Amino acid sequence: FRRFAFSLLVFPLVCLCVQFFWMLVARRSVQRRVRIALCEMGEAICWACGYNLRGNVSGICPECGKPAYSASAELGDGREGEDCHD
């Protein structure tokens, strides 16, 4: 009976851990796709944190402090001259 009771406790914990990990992975994937779509639409966003950079002329994100660089450089598609933050 102890084995059965132990498995009743362990199985839900393992399921919760797997679900939590999957949610983290899926969240990052969705964030990346949304940022790529916004960038392709011409929206000025910070690639690191997603902050709206419309009107920003400093080239530095005021939210996270990272430089506002092109998503094409992040994606590594060879279009280094193109910038999403025009």
Protein backbone atom coordinates (compact mmCIF):
# COMPACT_ATOMS: atom_id res chain seq x y z
CA PHE A 1 0.00 0.00 0.00
CA ARG A 2 2.89 2.40 0.70
CA ARG A 3 4.18 2.08 -2.85
CA PHE A 4 0.78 2.92 -4.23
CA ALA A 5 0.41 5.94 -1.93
CA PHE A 6 3.90 7.12 -2.85
CA SER A 7 3.12 6.83 -6.58
CA LEU A 8 -0.08 8.82 -6.04
CA LEU A 9 2.06 11.65 -4.68
CA VAL A 10 4.95 11.46 -7.13
CA PHE A 11 3.00 11.15 -10.37
CA PRO A 12 1.11 14.48 -10.00
CA LEU A 13 4.33 16.26 -9.00
CA VAL A 14 6.13 14.92 -12.06
CA CYS A 15 3.21 15.96 -14.26
CA LEU A 16 3.25 19.47 -12.80
CA CYS A 17 6.99 19.80 -13.39
CA VAL A 18 6.66 18.65 -16.99
CA GLN A 19 3.76 21.03 -17.58
CA PHE A 20 5.66 23.94 -16.04
CA PHE A 21 8.71 23.26 -18.22
CA TRP A 22 6.54 22.97 -21.34
CA MET A 23 4.80 26.28 -20.55
CA LEU A 24 8.17 28.03 -20.26
CA VAL A 25 9.33 26.63 -23.59
CA ALA A 26 6.05 27.47 -25.33
CA ARG A 27 6.01 30.99 -23.87
CA ARG A 28 9.46 31.81 -25.21
CA SER A 29 8.52 30.46 -28.62
CA VAL A 30 5.33 32.54 -28.74
CA GLN A 31 7.17 35.67 -27.58
CA ARG A 32 9.78 35.22 -30.30
CA ARG A 33 7.15 34.74 -33.02
CA VAL A 34 5.19 37.80 -31.85
CA ARG A 35 8.32 39.95 -31.83
CA ILE A 36 9.28 38.77 -35.32
CA ALA A 37 5.76 39.52 -36.60
CA LEU A 38 5.75 42.99 -35.00
CA CYS A 39 9.18 43.71 -36.41
CA GLU A 40 8.10 42.63 -39.90
CA MET A 41 5.09 44.95 -39.60
CA GLY A 42 7.45 47.85 -38.96
CA GLU A 43 6.84 48.24 -35.23
CA ALA A 44 9.83 49.45 -33.24
CA ILE A 45 10.24 47.01 -30.36
CA CYS A 46 13.12 45.91 -28.17
CA TRP A 47 14.17 42.44 -29.23
CA ALA A 48 15.29 41.58 -25.69
CA CYS A 49 12.25 42.60 -23.62
CA GLY A 50 9.52 43.53 -26.12
CA TYR A 51 9.30 47.18 -25.02
CA ASN A 52 7.79 49.59 -27.57
CA LEU A 53 10.62 51.75 -28.94
CA ARG A 54 8.52 54.03 -31.11
CA GLY A 55 10.09 57.49 -30.96
CA ASN A 56 13.27 56.26 -29.28
CA VAL A 57 16.30 57.98 -30.82
CA SER A 58 18.97 56.90 -28.33
CA GLY A 59 19.24 53.35 -29.64
CA ILE A 60 19.03 52.02 -26.07
CA CYS A 61 15.92 50.40 -24.62
CA PRO A 62 14.78 52.40 -21.57
CA GLU A 63 13.17 49.28 -20.06
CA CYS A 64 16.07 46.81 -20.09
CA GLY A 65 19.04 48.98 -21.12
CA LYS A 66 20.05 46.78 -24.05
CA PRO A 67 20.92 48.25 -27.44
CA ALA A 68 18.11 48.34 -30.00
CA TYR A 69 19.52 46.30 -32.84
CA SER A 70 17.90 44.62 -35.79
CA ALA A 71 16.03 41.36 -35.44
CA SER A 72 17.69 40.17 -38.63
CA ALA A 73 21.02 40.21 -36.79
CA GLU A 74 19.42 38.18 -34.00
CA LEU A 75 17.93 35.71 -36.44
CA GLY A 76 21.22 35.40 -38.32
CA ASP A 77 19.61 35.52 -41.74
CA GLY A 78 22.40 37.54 -43.32
CA ARG A 79 20.45 40.78 -43.71
CA GLU A 80 22.64 42.69 -41.29
CA GLY A 81 21.91 46.08 -42.87
CA GLU A 82 18.15 45.88 -42.38
CA ASP A 83 16.82 47.25 -39.13
CA CYS A 84 13.37 46.87 -37.63
CA HIS A 85 13.75 49.98 -35.48
CA ASP A 86 13.49 52.68 -38.17
